[in-house]
Amino acid sequence: MLKQWSLCIALVMALCASSACLADEITIQQDEHGVDYVTGGIGSEEVEALEAFKKQFALYFLFSEGKIGRLVDGVNITIVDAKKQTVFSLDAAAPRLLLNLPTGKYTVIASYQGNSQRYTLNSSKKHQRIILNWKNASIDEDSREQNRQEESPAEEIPNDTRAELPAHS
């Protein structure tokens, strides 16, 4: 009995240590233009680790696709200022991206699987959450999800927090 208890404690400690290591891997980075950022959010441990950084950043991007809003990674993002100068650039961003920009007007150019979209924002110290969704990226998955919903109706949830943008080539 004592051996089983010791083994259980050792297993729990190992799991806690591995989660702590994963959280330690998510750190504030800096792009080539000097902008601090954090990206991640694949898996519950990364999402939890990102939560610790949320208050340090004014901009929170969430990348998704399709009507069901499946989170996606591998998004290329470039942000330009009013003078069309690149102020931030990142290839292959994870589903969540946190960053700060000086106060001003910016254009975000995001690309996922060859489809690009633009989004204009005014950056300030106020926290902003921006969801970029590629509606047409996974038509097959959306069709399967709609068929499942038709078979068993679910309660409709209003979607007033998502800023869905059409995909542009």
N, C-alpha and C. Protein backbone atom coordinates (compact mmCIF):
# COMPACT_ATOMS: atom_id res chain seq x y z
N MET A 1 0.82 -1.20 0.00
CA MET A 1 0.00 0.00 0.00
C MET A 1 0.86 1.26 0.00
N LEU A 2 1.93 1.23 0.81
CA LEU A 2 2.83 2.37 0.88
C LEU A 2 3.54 2.59 -0.45
N LYS A 3 3.91 1.49 -1.15
CA LYS A 3 4.56 1.61 -2.46
C LYS A 3 3.62 2.24 -3.47
N GLN A 4 2.34 1.83 -3.45
CA GLN A 4 1.37 2.40 -4.39
C GLN A 4 1.19 3.90 -4.12
N TRP A 5 1.11 4.27 -2.86
CA TRP A 5 0.95 5.67 -2.48
C TRP A 5 2.16 6.48 -2.92
N SER A 6 3.36 5.96 -2.71
CA SER A 6 4.60 6.64 -3.12
C SER A 6 4.66 6.79 -4.62
N LEU A 7 4.24 5.74 -5.34
CA LEU A 7 4.23 5.80 -6.80
C LEU A 7 3.23 6.85 -7.28
N CYS A 8 2.09 6.92 -6.64
CA CYS A 8 1.06 7.91 -7.00
C CYS A 8 1.59 9.33 -6.79
N ILE A 9 2.22 9.57 -5.67
CA ILE A 9 2.79 10.89 -5.37
C ILE A 9 3.87 11.25 -6.39
N ALA A 10 4.72 10.30 -6.72
CA ALA A 10 5.78 10.54 -7.69
C ALA A 10 5.20 10.88 -9.06
N LEU A 11 4.15 10.18 -9.45
CA LEU A 11 3.51 10.44 -10.74
C LEU A 11 2.89 11.84 -10.77
N VAL A 12 2.20 12.22 -9.71
CA VAL A 12 1.60 13.56 -9.63
C VAL A 12 2.67 14.63 -9.68
N MET A 13 3.76 14.44 -8.98
CA MET A 13 4.86 15.42 -9.00
C MET A 13 5.47 15.52 -10.39
N ALA A 14 5.62 14.41 -11.08
CA ALA A 14 6.18 14.43 -12.43
C ALA A 14 5.26 15.18 -13.38
N LEU A 15 3.95 14.96 -13.27
CA LEU A 15 3.00 15.67 -14.12
C LEU A 15 3.02 17.17 -13.85
N CYS A 16 3.09 17.54 -12.59
CA CYS A 16 3.17 18.96 -12.23
C CYS A 16 4.45 19.58 -12.76
N ALA A 17 5.53 18.88 -12.68
CA ALA A 17 6.82 19.39 -13.17
C ALA A 17 6.79 19.57 -14.68
N SER A 18 6.16 18.63 -15.40
CA SER A 18 6.12 18.76 -16.86
C SER A 18 5.24 19.94 -17.26
N SER A 19 4.14 20.20 -16.54
CA SER A 19 3.29 21.36 -16.82
C SER A 19 4.04 22.65 -16.55
N ALA A 20 4.82 22.67 -15.48
CA ALA A 20 5.60 23.86 -15.15
C ALA A 20 6.65 24.11 -16.20
N CYS A 21 7.26 23.06 -16.73
CA CYS A 21 8.26 23.22 -17.78
C CYS A 21 7.63 23.80 -19.03
N LEU A 22 6.42 23.33 -19.39
CA LEU A 22 5.74 23.84 -20.56
C LEU A 22 5.41 25.31 -20.38
N ALA A 23 4.94 25.68 -19.20
CA ALA A 23 4.62 27.08 -18.93
C ALA A 23 5.87 27.93 -19.01
N ASP A 24 7.02 27.39 -18.59
CA ASP A 24 8.27 28.13 -18.66
C ASP A 24 8.72 28.35 -20.09
N GLU A 25 8.30 27.47 -21.02
CA GLU A 25 8.70 27.61 -22.41
C GLU A 25 8.03 28.79 -23.09
N ILE A 26 6.88 29.21 -22.61
CA ILE A 26 6.19 30.37 -23.17
C ILE A 26 6.77 31.61 -22.51
N THR A 27 7.52 32.37 -23.29
CA THR A 27 8.17 33.56 -22.77
C THR A 27 7.90 34.74 -23.69
N ILE A 28 8.13 35.92 -23.16
CA ILE A 28 8.01 37.12 -23.97
C ILE A 28 9.17 37.13 -24.95
N GLN A 29 8.83 37.30 -26.23
CA GLN A 29 9.82 37.36 -27.29
C GLN A 29 9.79 38.74 -27.93
N GLN A 30 10.71 38.98 -28.83
CA GLN A 30 10.76 40.27 -29.51
C GLN A 30 10.96 40.04 -31.00
N ASP A 31 10.16 40.69 -31.83
CA ASP A 31 10.33 40.54 -33.27
C ASP A 31 11.45 41.44 -33.76
N GLU A 32 11.74 41.39 -35.04
CA GLU A 32 12.86 42.15 -35.62
C GLU A 32 12.66 43.66 -35.55
N HIS A 33 11.44 44.12 -35.25
CA HIS A 33 11.15 45.55 -35.14
C HIS A 33 11.14 46.02 -33.70
N GLY A 34 11.48 45.12 -32.77
CA GLY A 34 11.57 45.48 -31.37
C GLY A 34 10.27 45.42 -30.59
N VAL A 35 9.24 44.80 -31.15
CA VAL A 35 7.95 44.69 -30.47
C VAL A 35 7.92 43.40 -29.64
N ASP A 36 7.58 43.55 -28.37
CA ASP A 36 7.44 42.38 -27.49
C ASP A 36 6.13 41.68 -27.80
N TYR A 37 6.18 40.33 -27.78
CA TYR A 37 4.98 39.55 -28.04
C TYR A 37 5.08 38.18 -27.37
N VAL A 38 3.95 37.54 -27.25
CA VAL A 38 3.86 36.16 -26.78
C VAL A 38 2.86 35.47 -27.69
N THR A 39 3.20 34.27 -28.16
CA THR A 39 2.27 33.49 -28.98
C THR A 39 2.24 32.06 -28.48
N GLY A 40 1.11 31.44 -28.62
CA GLY A 40 0.94 30.07 -28.16
C GLY A 40 -0.53 29.73 -28.12
N GLY A 41 -0.89 28.84 -27.22
CA GLY A 41 -2.29 28.51 -27.06
C GLY A 41 -2.71 27.23 -27.72
N ILE A 42 -1.75 26.32 -27.93
CA ILE A 42 -2.09 25.00 -28.43
C ILE A 42 -2.04 24.07 -27.22
N GLY A 43 -3.18 23.65 -26.77
CA GLY A 43 -3.24 22.81 -25.58
C GLY A 43 -3.58 23.62 -24.34
N SER A 44 -4.21 22.97 -23.39
CA SER A 44 -4.70 23.67 -22.21
C SER A 44 -3.57 24.25 -21.35
N GLU A 45 -2.41 23.58 -21.32
CA GLU A 45 -1.30 24.11 -20.53
C GLU A 45 -0.78 25.42 -21.10
N GLU A 46 -0.69 25.50 -22.43
CA GLU A 46 -0.24 26.75 -23.05
C GLU A 46 -1.26 27.86 -22.86
N VAL A 47 -2.53 27.53 -22.97
CA VAL A 47 -3.57 28.55 -22.77
C VAL A 47 -3.47 29.09 -21.35
N GLU A 48 -3.30 28.21 -20.40
CA GLU A 48 -3.16 28.62 -19.01
C GLU A 48 -1.92 29.49 -18.81
N ALA A 49 -0.82 29.11 -19.44
CA ALA A 49 0.42 29.89 -19.32
C ALA A 49 0.25 31.28 -19.94
N LEU A 50 -0.47 31.37 -21.06
CA LEU A 50 -0.72 32.67 -21.70
C LEU A 50 -1.56 33.59 -20.83
N GLU A 51 -2.45 33.02 -20.06
CA GLU A 51 -3.29 33.83 -19.17
C GLU A 51 -2.45 34.70 -18.23
N ALA A 52 -1.28 34.17 -17.83
CA ALA A 52 -0.40 34.93 -16.93
C ALA A 52 0.15 36.18 -17.60
N PHE A 53 0.20 36.20 -18.93
CA PHE A 53 0.75 37.34 -19.67
C PHE A 53 -0.31 38.34 -20.11
N LYS A 54 -1.58 37.97 -20.10
CA LYS A 54 -2.64 38.79 -20.68
C LYS A 54 -2.65 40.24 -20.21
N LYS A 55 -2.44 40.47 -18.95
CA LYS A 55 -2.53 41.84 -18.41
C LYS A 55 -1.36 42.72 -18.83
N GLN A 56 -0.28 42.10 -19.34
CA GLN A 56 0.90 42.86 -19.76
C GLN A 56 0.78 43.38 -21.19
N PHE A 57 -0.25 42.93 -21.93
CA PHE A 57 -0.36 43.26 -23.34
C PHE A 57 -1.74 43.86 -23.64
N ALA A 58 -1.75 44.86 -24.51
CA ALA A 58 -3.00 45.54 -24.87
C ALA A 58 -3.74 44.83 -25.99
N LEU A 59 -3.02 44.13 -26.87
CA LEU A 59 -3.66 43.47 -28.01
C LEU A 59 -3.64 41.96 -27.85
N TYR A 60 -4.79 41.35 -28.01
CA TYR A 60 -4.95 39.90 -27.93
C TYR A 60 -5.59 39.45 -29.23
N PHE A 61 -4.83 38.74 -30.07
CA PHE A 61 -5.36 38.20 -31.31
C PHE A 61 -5.70 36.73 -31.12
N LEU A 62 -6.81 36.32 -31.73
CA LEU A 62 -7.21 34.92 -31.75
C LEU A 62 -7.49 34.57 -33.20
N PHE A 63 -6.86 33.50 -33.70
CA PHE A 63 -6.99 33.10 -35.09
C PHE A 63 -7.84 31.83 -35.19
N SER A 64 -8.86 31.87 -36.08
CA SER A 64 -9.74 30.72 -36.23
C SER A 64 -10.19 30.58 -37.67
N GLU A 65 -10.86 29.45 -37.95
CA GLU A 65 -11.37 29.22 -39.29
C GLU A 65 -12.75 28.60 -39.23
N GLY A 66 -13.49 28.81 -40.30
CA GLY A 66 -14.79 28.18 -40.46
C GLY A 66 -15.86 28.74 -39.56
N LYS A 67 -17.07 28.30 -39.82
CA LYS A 67 -18.22 28.76 -39.04
C LYS A 67 -18.13 28.34 -37.59
N ILE A 68 -17.50 27.20 -37.33
CA ILE A 68 -17.41 26.73 -35.95
C ILE A 68 -16.27 27.37 -35.18
N GLY A 69 -15.39 28.10 -35.88
CA GLY A 69 -14.33 28.84 -35.21
C GLY A 69 -13.21 27.98 -34.66
N ARG A 70 -12.83 26.94 -35.40
CA ARG A 70 -11.72 26.08 -34.97
C ARG A 70 -10.44 26.90 -34.96
N LEU A 71 -9.71 26.85 -33.85
CA LEU A 71 -8.48 27.62 -33.73
C LEU A 71 -7.43 27.09 -34.69
N VAL A 72 -6.64 28.00 -35.27
CA VAL A 72 -5.61 27.62 -36.23
C VAL A 72 -4.27 28.23 -35.84
N ASP A 73 -3.21 27.56 -36.25
CA ASP A 73 -1.87 28.11 -36.07
C ASP A 73 -1.23 28.21 -37.45
N GLY A 74 -0.03 28.74 -37.50
CA GLY A 74 0.65 28.92 -38.78
C GLY A 74 0.19 30.16 -39.52
N VAL A 75 -0.31 31.15 -38.79
CA VAL A 75 -0.78 32.40 -39.40
C VAL A 75 0.41 33.35 -39.54
N ASN A 76 0.59 33.89 -40.73
CA ASN A 76 1.62 34.91 -40.95
C ASN A 76 0.95 36.26 -40.75
N ILE A 77 1.57 37.10 -39.93
CA ILE A 77 0.96 38.38 -39.60
C ILE A 77 1.98 39.51 -39.75
N THR A 78 1.53 40.57 -40.38
CA THR A 78 2.33 41.79 -40.53
C THR A 78 1.45 42.95 -40.13
N ILE A 79 2.00 43.88 -39.35
CA ILE A 79 1.25 45.06 -38.94
C ILE A 79 2.02 46.28 -39.43
N VAL A 80 1.31 47.16 -40.15
CA VAL A 80 1.92 48.39 -40.67
C VAL A 80 1.24 49.59 -40.03
N ASP A 81 2.02 50.68 -39.89
CA ASP A 81 1.47 51.91 -39.32
C ASP A 81 0.84 52.77 -40.40
N ALA A 82 0.40 53.96 -40.03
CA ALA A 82 -0.27 54.87 -40.97
C ALA A 82 0.64 55.29 -42.12
N LYS A 83 1.96 55.23 -41.91
CA LYS A 83 2.93 55.58 -42.95
C LYS A 83 3.31 54.38 -43.81
N LYS A 84 2.59 53.25 -43.64
CA LYS A 84 2.82 52.00 -44.37
C LYS A 84 4.16 51.35 -44.04
N GLN A 85 4.72 51.68 -42.87
CA GLN A 85 5.96 51.08 -42.40
C GLN A 85 5.63 49.86 -41.54
N THR A 86 6.31 48.76 -41.78
CA THR A 86 6.09 47.56 -40.98
C THR A 86 6.59 47.80 -39.56
N VAL A 87 5.70 47.55 -38.58
CA VAL A 87 6.08 47.73 -37.18
C VAL A 87 6.12 46.40 -36.42
N PHE A 88 5.52 45.35 -37.02
CA PHE A 88 5.54 44.02 -36.41
C PHE A 88 5.36 42.99 -37.51
N SER A 89 6.10 41.89 -37.38
CA SER A 89 5.99 40.82 -38.36
C SER A 89 6.30 39.49 -37.69
N LEU A 90 5.47 38.49 -37.97
CA LEU A 90 5.68 37.17 -37.39
C LEU A 90 5.17 36.11 -38.36
N ASP A 91 6.01 35.14 -38.65
CA ASP A 91 5.60 34.01 -39.47
C ASP A 91 5.17 32.87 -38.55
N ALA A 92 4.13 32.19 -38.93
CA ALA A 92 3.65 31.00 -38.24
C ALA A 92 3.25 31.25 -36.79
N ALA A 93 2.41 32.25 -36.58
CA ALA A 93 1.90 32.53 -35.23
C ALA A 93 0.96 31.41 -34.80
N ALA A 94 0.95 31.16 -33.50
CA ALA A 94 0.04 30.19 -32.91
C ALA A 94 -1.37 30.79 -32.84
N PRO A 95 -2.37 30.05 -32.36
CA PRO A 95 -3.74 30.57 -32.36
C PRO A 95 -3.95 31.83 -31.53
N ARG A 96 -3.09 32.06 -30.56
CA ARG A 96 -3.21 33.25 -29.72
C ARG A 96 -1.93 34.06 -29.81
N LEU A 97 -2.09 35.38 -29.92
CA LEU A 97 -0.95 36.27 -30.02
C LEU A 97 -1.22 37.49 -29.16
N LEU A 98 -0.32 37.79 -28.26
CA LEU A 98 -0.40 38.97 -27.40
C LEU A 98 0.73 39.90 -27.79
N LEU A 99 0.43 41.21 -27.92
CA LEU A 99 1.48 42.18 -28.21
C LEU A 99 1.05 43.58 -27.85
N ASN A 100 2.02 44.46 -27.77
CA ASN A 100 1.79 45.88 -27.50
C ASN A 100 2.33 46.69 -28.67
N LEU A 101 1.60 47.71 -29.04
CA LEU A 101 2.06 48.66 -30.04
C LEU A 101 1.88 50.06 -29.47
N PRO A 102 2.71 51.00 -29.90
CA PRO A 102 2.48 52.39 -29.46
C PRO A 102 1.09 52.85 -29.92
N THR A 103 0.54 53.83 -29.24
CA THR A 103 -0.77 54.36 -29.61
C THR A 103 -0.72 54.83 -31.05
N GLY A 104 -1.72 54.44 -31.83
CA GLY A 104 -1.78 54.85 -33.23
C GLY A 104 -2.73 53.98 -34.03
N LYS A 105 -2.83 54.28 -35.32
CA LYS A 105 -3.68 53.54 -36.24
C LYS A 105 -2.82 52.57 -37.02
N TYR A 106 -3.28 51.32 -37.12
CA TYR A 106 -2.51 50.26 -37.76
C TYR A 106 -3.39 49.42 -38.68
N THR A 107 -2.75 48.79 -39.65
CA THR A 107 -3.41 47.81 -40.50
C THR A 107 -2.74 46.47 -40.27
N VAL A 108 -3.55 45.48 -39.96
CA VAL A 108 -3.07 44.12 -39.76
C VAL A 108 -3.31 43.35 -41.05
N ILE A 109 -2.27 42.71 -41.56
CA ILE A 109 -2.39 41.84 -42.73
C ILE A 109 -2.07 40.44 -42.25
N ALA A 110 -3.08 39.58 -42.25
CA ALA A 110 -2.90 38.22 -41.76
C ALA A 110 -3.17 37.24 -42.90
N SER A 111 -2.34 36.21 -42.97
CA SER A 111 -2.46 35.22 -44.04
C SER A 111 -2.47 33.82 -43.45
N TYR A 112 -3.41 33.02 -43.91
CA TYR A 112 -3.53 31.63 -43.46
C TYR A 112 -3.87 30.77 -44.67
N GLN A 113 -3.05 29.79 -44.95
CA GLN A 113 -3.23 28.87 -46.08
C GLN A 113 -3.49 29.61 -47.38
N GLY A 114 -2.73 30.66 -47.62
CA GLY A 114 -2.83 31.41 -48.87
C GLY A 114 -3.94 32.44 -48.93
N ASN A 115 -4.78 32.52 -47.93
CA ASN A 115 -5.86 33.51 -47.89
C ASN A 115 -5.48 34.63 -46.94
N SER A 116 -5.50 35.86 -47.46
CA SER A 116 -5.13 37.02 -46.65
C SER A 116 -6.35 37.86 -46.31
N GLN A 117 -6.23 38.57 -45.21
CA GLN A 117 -7.26 39.52 -44.84
C GLN A 117 -6.60 40.70 -44.13
N ARG A 118 -7.30 41.83 -44.17
CA ARG A 118 -6.81 43.05 -43.54
C ARG A 118 -7.79 43.47 -42.45
N TYR A 119 -7.22 44.08 -41.43
CA TYR A 119 -8.02 44.56 -40.32
C TYR A 119 -7.36 45.85 -39.82
N THR A 120 -8.14 46.91 -39.68
CA THR A 120 -7.63 48.19 -39.21
C THR A 120 -7.97 48.33 -37.73
N LEU A 121 -6.99 48.80 -36.96
CA LEU A 121 -7.23 48.98 -35.53
C LEU A 121 -6.56 50.25 -35.05
N ASN A 122 -7.08 50.77 -33.96
CA ASN A 122 -6.47 51.89 -33.25
C ASN A 122 -5.93 51.33 -31.95
N SER A 123 -4.63 51.35 -31.81
CA SER A 123 -4.00 50.82 -30.61
C SER A 123 -3.96 51.87 -29.52
N SER A 124 -4.20 51.43 -28.31
CA SER A 124 -4.11 52.31 -27.15
C SER A 124 -3.70 51.43 -25.97
N LYS A 125 -3.73 51.99 -24.79
CA LYS A 125 -3.40 51.20 -23.60
C LYS A 125 -4.56 50.29 -23.21
N LYS A 126 -5.75 50.55 -23.77
CA LYS A 126 -6.93 49.76 -23.47
C LYS A 126 -6.80 48.37 -24.10
N HIS A 127 -7.17 47.34 -23.35
CA HIS A 127 -7.08 45.96 -23.83
C HIS A 127 -8.10 45.72 -24.96
N GLN A 128 -7.62 45.15 -26.08
CA GLN A 128 -8.48 44.84 -27.21
C GLN A 128 -8.31 43.38 -27.58
N ARG A 129 -9.43 42.71 -27.83
CA ARG A 129 -9.41 41.33 -28.30
C ARG A 129 -9.89 41.32 -29.74
N ILE A 130 -9.07 40.78 -30.63
CA ILE A 130 -9.37 40.78 -32.05
C ILE A 130 -9.38 39.33 -32.53
N ILE A 131 -10.52 38.90 -33.06
CA ILE A 131 -10.64 37.55 -33.58
C ILE A 131 -10.63 37.63 -35.10
N LEU A 132 -9.63 37.02 -35.71
CA LEU A 132 -9.56 36.94 -37.16
C LEU A 132 -9.99 35.53 -37.56
N ASN A 133 -11.04 35.46 -38.37
CA ASN A 133 -11.61 34.18 -38.76
C ASN A 133 -11.61 34.06 -40.27
N TRP A 134 -11.09 32.94 -40.75
CA TRP A 134 -11.12 32.63 -42.16
C TRP A 134 -12.33 31.74 -42.39
N LYS A 135 -13.44 32.34 -42.84
CA LYS A 135 -14.71 31.63 -42.98
C LYS A 135 -14.63 30.47 -43.97
N ASN A 136 -13.95 30.65 -45.07
CA ASN A 136 -13.97 29.67 -46.15
C ASN A 136 -12.84 28.66 -46.08
N ALA A 137 -12.07 28.67 -45.02
CA ALA A 137 -10.87 27.83 -44.97
C ALA A 137 -11.16 26.35 -44.83
N SER A 138 -12.21 25.95 -44.14
CA SER A 138 -12.46 24.52 -43.98
C SER A 138 -13.93 24.20 -44.24
N ILE A 139 -14.31 24.28 -45.48
CA ILE A 139 -15.70 24.07 -45.87
C ILE A 139 -16.17 22.67 -45.50
N ASP A 140 -15.32 21.67 -45.74
CA ASP A 140 -15.73 20.29 -45.43
C ASP A 140 -16.03 20.12 -43.95
N GLU A 141 -15.19 20.66 -43.09
CA GLU A 141 -15.40 20.53 -41.65
C GLU A 141 -16.68 21.24 -41.23
N ASP A 142 -16.93 22.41 -41.80
CA ASP A 142 -18.14 23.15 -41.46
C ASP A 142 -19.39 22.38 -41.91
N SER A 143 -19.32 21.75 -43.08
CA SER A 143 -20.45 20.98 -43.58
C SER A 143 -20.75 19.81 -42.66
N ARG A 144 -19.70 19.12 -42.22
CA ARG A 144 -19.90 18.02 -41.28
C ARG A 144 -20.52 18.52 -39.99
N GLU A 145 -20.04 19.66 -39.48
CA GLU A 145 -20.58 20.20 -38.23
C GLU A 145 -22.04 20.59 -38.41
N GLN A 146 -22.39 21.18 -39.56
CA GLN A 146 -23.77 21.58 -39.78
C GLN A 146 -24.66 20.35 -39.87
N ASN A 147 -24.20 19.28 -40.53
CA ASN A 147 -24.99 18.05 -40.60
C ASN A 147 -25.23 17.49 -39.21
N ARG A 148 -24.22 17.53 -38.33
CA ARG A 148 -24.39 17.05 -36.97
C ARG A 148 -25.41 17.90 -36.23
N GLN A 149 -25.39 19.22 -36.45
CA GLN A 149 -26.33 20.10 -35.77
C GLN A 149 -27.75 19.86 -36.26
N GLU A 150 -27.91 19.57 -37.56
CA GLU A 150 -29.24 19.30 -38.09
C GLU A 150 -29.79 18.01 -37.52
N GLU A 151 -28.93 17.03 -37.29
CA GLU A 151 -29.38 15.76 -36.73
C GLU A 151 -29.82 15.92 -35.29
N SER A 152 -29.10 16.70 -34.51
CA SER A 152 -29.47 16.93 -33.12
C SER A 152 -29.39 18.42 -32.83
N PRO A 153 -30.54 19.11 -32.88
CA PRO A 153 -30.53 20.56 -32.69
C PRO A 153 -29.95 20.95 -31.34
N ALA A 154 -29.14 22.00 -31.37
CA ALA A 154 -28.53 22.52 -30.14
C ALA A 154 -29.03 23.94 -29.92
N GLU A 155 -28.86 24.41 -28.70
CA GLU A 155 -29.27 25.76 -28.37
C GLU A 155 -28.39 26.74 -29.13
N GLU A 156 -29.00 27.74 -29.76
CA GLU A 156 -28.24 28.73 -30.52
C GLU A 156 -27.61 29.73 -29.56
N ILE A 157 -26.34 29.97 -29.76
CA ILE A 157 -25.60 30.92 -28.92
C ILE A 157 -25.28 32.13 -29.76
N PRO A 158 -25.63 33.34 -29.29
CA PRO A 158 -25.32 34.54 -30.08
C PRO A 158 -23.81 34.69 -30.24
N ASN A 159 -23.41 35.17 -31.41
CA ASN A 159 -21.98 35.27 -31.73
C ASN A 159 -21.61 36.73 -31.92
N ASP A 160 -21.85 37.56 -30.90
CA ASP A 160 -21.64 38.99 -31.06
C ASP A 160 -20.21 39.43 -30.72
N THR A 161 -19.35 38.52 -30.28
CA THR A 161 -18.00 38.92 -29.93
C THR A 161 -16.99 38.60 -31.02
N ARG A 162 -17.41 37.91 -32.06
CA ARG A 162 -16.47 37.52 -33.10
C ARG A 162 -16.54 38.50 -34.26
N ALA A 163 -15.40 39.02 -34.65
CA ALA A 163 -15.31 39.91 -35.80
C ALA A 163 -14.91 39.06 -36.99
N GLU A 164 -15.88 38.40 -37.61
CA GLU A 164 -15.55 37.53 -38.73
C GLU A 164 -15.28 38.38 -39.95
N LEU A 165 -14.22 38.03 -40.61
CA LEU A 165 -13.84 38.74 -41.83
C LEU A 165 -13.81 37.76 -42.97
N PRO A 166 -14.25 38.17 -44.15
CA PRO A 166 -14.18 37.26 -45.28
C PRO A 166 -12.72 37.03 -45.68
N ALA A 167 -12.44 35.86 -46.18
CA ALA A 167 -11.08 35.54 -46.64
C ALA A 167 -10.88 36.20 -48.00
N HIS A 168 -9.71 36.78 -48.19
CA HIS A 168 -9.35 37.43 -49.45
C HIS A 168 -8.08 36.78 -49.98
N SER A 169 -8.01 36.66 -51.28
CA SER A 169 -6.78 36.10 -51.88
C SER A 169 -5.78 37.17 -52.12
